Amino acid sequence: MFRFDQLIRRDMIIRDVKQRHPETIPVFEKFRYRPSCDDCDIETVARKNGLNSLDVVEALNQAAFRPKADTENASNQ
């Protein structure tokens, strides 16, 4: 069962998110988050890169919590 307290938040440390949800790594790469920023929080790095942190968090949560069947179907298309 899904719990809202499991959602990725903008104050979370990037390294922790990557370890807990490895499927988010391509999202971080898409937004050009550098590995040197892994010890920073999502919001700080988003601001430094001129990104909206809410957009980044939404993309991360979609990657982490979408049903696995959707992931498999998307990769086959």
N, C-alpha and C. Protein backbone atom coordinates (compact mmCIF):
# COMPACT_ATOMS: atom_id res chain seq x y z
N MET A 1 0.84 -1.18 0.00
CA MET A 1 0.00 0.00 0.00
C MET A 1 0.89 1.25 0.00
N PHE A 2 0.51 2.21 -0.81
CA PHE A 2 1.27 3.45 -0.95
C PHE A 2 1.05 4.36 0.25
N ARG A 3 2.13 4.97 0.73
CA ARG A 3 2.02 5.92 1.84
C ARG A 3 2.65 7.23 1.41
N PHE A 4 1.97 8.33 1.72
CA PHE A 4 2.45 9.65 1.31
C PHE A 4 3.78 10.02 1.96
N ASP A 5 4.08 9.45 3.12
CA ASP A 5 5.35 9.77 3.77
C ASP A 5 6.53 9.12 3.05
N GLN A 6 6.27 8.29 2.04
CA GLN A 6 7.33 7.68 1.26
C GLN A 6 7.71 8.53 0.04
N LEU A 7 6.92 9.55 -0.25
CA LEU A 7 7.20 10.39 -1.42
C LEU A 7 8.54 11.09 -1.31
N ILE A 8 9.14 11.33 -2.45
CA ILE A 8 10.38 12.10 -2.51
C ILE A 8 10.01 13.56 -2.34
N ARG A 9 10.76 14.25 -1.47
CA ARG A 9 10.51 15.67 -1.19
C ARG A 9 11.73 16.49 -1.62
N ARG A 10 11.51 17.77 -1.82
CA ARG A 10 12.60 18.63 -2.31
C ARG A 10 13.69 18.87 -1.28
N ASP A 11 13.45 18.56 -0.01
CA ASP A 11 14.49 18.74 1.00
C ASP A 11 15.33 17.48 1.21
N MET A 12 15.08 16.45 0.43
CA MET A 12 15.82 15.19 0.58
C MET A 12 17.19 15.29 -0.09
N ILE A 13 18.14 14.56 0.47
CA ILE A 13 19.50 14.51 -0.06
C ILE A 13 19.51 13.59 -1.29
N ILE A 14 20.16 14.04 -2.34
CA ILE A 14 20.15 13.33 -3.61
C ILE A 14 20.70 11.91 -3.48
N ARG A 15 21.79 11.75 -2.76
CA ARG A 15 22.40 10.42 -2.59
C ARG A 15 21.41 9.45 -1.95
N ASP A 16 20.65 9.91 -0.95
CA ASP A 16 19.67 9.06 -0.29
C ASP A 16 18.56 8.64 -1.26
N VAL A 17 18.11 9.57 -2.09
CA VAL A 17 17.06 9.26 -3.06
C VAL A 17 17.57 8.23 -4.07
N LYS A 18 18.79 8.42 -4.56
CA LYS A 18 19.35 7.48 -5.53
C LYS A 18 19.52 6.09 -4.94
N GLN A 19 19.92 6.01 -3.67
CA GLN A 19 20.09 4.71 -3.04
C GLN A 19 18.74 4.03 -2.78
N ARG A 20 17.77 4.79 -2.34
CA ARG A 20 16.45 4.23 -2.05
C ARG A 20 15.66 3.91 -3.31
N HIS A 21 15.85 4.72 -4.35
CA HIS A 21 15.08 4.58 -5.59
C HIS A 21 16.04 4.68 -6.79
N PRO A 22 16.74 3.61 -7.12
CA PRO A 22 17.71 3.66 -8.23
C PRO A 22 17.08 4.02 -9.57
N GLU A 23 15.77 3.80 -9.70
CA GLU A 23 15.09 4.14 -10.95
C GLU A 23 15.01 5.64 -11.17
N THR A 24 15.40 6.45 -10.18
CA THR A 24 15.40 7.91 -10.34
C THR A 24 16.71 8.43 -10.95
N ILE A 25 17.71 7.60 -11.04
CA ILE A 25 19.01 8.05 -11.55
C ILE A 25 18.90 8.65 -12.95
N PRO A 26 18.16 8.03 -13.89
CA PRO A 26 18.02 8.66 -15.21
C PRO A 26 17.35 10.03 -15.15
N VAL A 27 16.46 10.24 -14.19
CA VAL A 27 15.80 11.54 -14.05
C VAL A 27 16.83 12.59 -13.62
N PHE A 28 17.66 12.23 -12.65
CA PHE A 28 18.72 13.17 -12.23
C PHE A 28 19.64 13.48 -13.41
N GLU A 29 19.96 12.47 -14.22
CA GLU A 29 20.82 12.69 -15.38
C GLU A 29 20.13 13.60 -16.40
N LYS A 30 18.83 13.39 -16.60
CA LYS A 30 18.08 14.22 -17.55
C LYS A 30 18.12 15.70 -17.14
N PHE A 31 18.01 15.95 -15.84
CA PHE A 31 18.04 17.33 -15.34
C PHE A 31 19.48 17.83 -15.11
N ARG A 32 20.46 17.03 -15.53
CA ARG A 32 21.89 17.39 -15.47
C ARG A 32 22.40 17.63 -14.05
N TYR A 33 21.94 16.81 -13.13
CA TYR A 33 22.49 16.84 -11.78
C TYR A 33 23.83 16.11 -11.81
N ARG A 34 24.88 16.76 -11.36
CA ARG A 34 26.21 16.18 -11.37
C ARG A 34 26.43 15.32 -10.12
N PRO A 35 27.22 14.24 -10.24
CA PRO A 35 27.50 13.40 -9.07
C PRO A 35 28.13 14.18 -7.91
N SER A 36 28.82 15.27 -8.20
CA SER A 36 29.42 16.07 -7.13
C SER A 36 28.37 16.73 -6.25
N CYS A 37 27.12 16.75 -6.72
CA CYS A 37 26.02 17.36 -5.96
C CYS A 37 25.23 16.34 -5.13
N ASP A 38 25.68 15.10 -5.11
CA ASP A 38 24.91 14.04 -4.44
C ASP A 38 24.70 14.28 -2.95
N ASP A 39 25.54 15.08 -2.32
CA ASP A 39 25.38 15.34 -0.88
C ASP A 39 24.54 16.58 -0.59
N CYS A 40 23.96 17.17 -1.63
CA CYS A 40 23.09 18.34 -1.49
C CYS A 40 21.63 17.91 -1.55
N ASP A 41 20.74 18.83 -1.16
CA ASP A 41 19.32 18.52 -1.28
C ASP A 41 18.84 18.88 -2.68
N ILE A 42 17.73 18.28 -3.07
CA ILE A 42 17.18 18.43 -4.42
C ILE A 42 16.89 19.89 -4.74
N GLU A 43 16.29 20.60 -3.81
CA GLU A 43 15.89 21.99 -4.06
C GLU A 43 17.09 22.90 -4.32
N THR A 44 18.14 22.77 -3.54
CA THR A 44 19.32 23.62 -3.71
C THR A 44 19.94 23.45 -5.09
N VAL A 45 20.08 22.20 -5.52
CA VAL A 45 20.68 21.94 -6.82
C VAL A 45 19.75 22.40 -7.94
N ALA A 46 18.45 22.24 -7.76
CA ALA A 46 17.50 22.72 -8.77
C ALA A 46 17.65 24.23 -8.95
N ARG A 47 17.69 24.95 -7.83
CA ARG A 47 17.84 26.41 -7.91
C ARG A 47 19.13 26.80 -8.60
N LYS A 48 20.22 26.12 -8.27
CA LYS A 48 21.52 26.44 -8.88
C LYS A 48 21.51 26.17 -10.39
N ASN A 49 20.68 25.22 -10.82
CA ASN A 49 20.60 24.87 -12.25
C ASN A 49 19.47 25.60 -12.95
N GLY A 50 18.78 26.51 -12.25
CA GLY A 50 17.70 27.26 -12.86
C GLY A 50 16.44 26.44 -13.12
N LEU A 51 16.24 25.40 -12.32
CA LEU A 51 15.08 24.52 -12.48
C LEU A 51 14.05 24.77 -11.39
N ASN A 52 12.82 24.44 -11.69
CA ASN A 52 11.75 24.48 -10.69
C ASN A 52 11.83 23.19 -9.88
N SER A 53 12.09 23.28 -8.59
CA SER A 53 12.27 22.09 -7.77
C SER A 53 11.01 21.22 -7.73
N LEU A 54 9.84 21.83 -7.85
CA LEU A 54 8.60 21.04 -7.84
C LEU A 54 8.50 20.17 -9.09
N ASP A 55 8.97 20.68 -10.23
CA ASP A 55 8.98 19.87 -11.45
C ASP A 55 9.93 18.69 -11.31
N VAL A 56 11.08 18.94 -10.72
CA VAL A 56 12.07 17.88 -10.52
C VAL A 56 11.50 16.81 -9.59
N VAL A 57 10.92 17.23 -8.48
CA VAL A 57 10.36 16.30 -7.50
C VAL A 57 9.23 15.48 -8.13
N GLU A 58 8.40 16.12 -8.93
CA GLU A 58 7.31 15.39 -9.58
C GLU A 58 7.86 14.31 -10.51
N ALA A 59 8.87 14.63 -11.29
CA ALA A 59 9.47 13.66 -12.20
C ALA A 59 10.12 12.51 -11.42
N LEU A 60 10.76 12.83 -10.31
CA LEU A 60 11.38 11.79 -9.48
C LEU A 60 10.33 10.85 -8.89
N ASN A 61 9.24 11.42 -8.38
CA ASN A 61 8.19 10.59 -7.81
C ASN A 61 7.53 9.72 -8.87
N GLN A 62 7.35 10.25 -10.05
CA GLN A 62 6.78 9.44 -11.13
C GLN A 62 7.70 8.26 -11.46
N ALA A 63 8.99 8.51 -11.51
CA ALA A 63 9.93 7.44 -11.80
C ALA A 63 9.97 6.40 -10.68
N ALA A 64 9.90 6.87 -9.45
CA ALA A 64 10.03 5.96 -8.31
C ALA A 64 8.77 5.17 -8.03
N PHE A 65 7.60 5.74 -8.31
CA PHE A 65 6.37 5.11 -7.84
C PHE A 65 5.39 4.70 -8.94
N ARG A 66 5.73 4.88 -10.19
CA ARG A 66 4.81 4.42 -11.23
C ARG A 66 4.78 2.88 -11.20
N PRO A 67 3.65 2.32 -11.58
CA PRO A 67 3.55 0.85 -11.59
C PRO A 67 4.61 0.24 -12.50
N LYS A 68 5.14 -0.88 -12.11
CA LYS A 68 6.21 -1.54 -12.87
C LYS A 68 5.77 -1.90 -14.27
N ALA A 69 4.51 -2.24 -14.47
CA ALA A 69 4.01 -2.60 -15.80
C ALA A 69 4.15 -1.42 -16.76
N ASP A 70 3.91 -0.20 -16.27
CA ASP A 70 4.07 0.99 -17.11
C ASP A 70 5.51 1.16 -17.55
N THR A 71 6.44 0.87 -16.66
CA THR A 71 7.86 0.99 -16.97
C THR A 71 8.23 0.00 -18.06
N GLU A 72 7.76 -1.23 -17.95
CA GLU A 72 8.09 -2.24 -18.95
C GLU A 72 7.47 -1.90 -20.29
N ASN A 73 6.23 -1.44 -20.31
CA ASN A 73 5.56 -1.08 -21.55
C ASN A 73 6.26 0.10 -22.23
N ALA A 74 6.67 1.08 -21.45
CA ALA A 74 7.32 2.26 -22.00
C ALA A 74 8.66 1.91 -22.64
N SER A 75 9.39 0.95 -22.06
CA SER A 75 10.69 0.58 -22.62
C SER A 75 10.55 -0.25 -23.88
N ASN A 76 9.41 -0.88 -24.08
CA ASN A 76 9.19 -1.69 -25.28
C ASN A 76 8.71 -0.86 -26.47
N GLN A 77 8.34 0.38 -26.24
CA GLN A 77 7.81 1.21 -27.33
C GLN A 77 8.89 2.00 -28.00
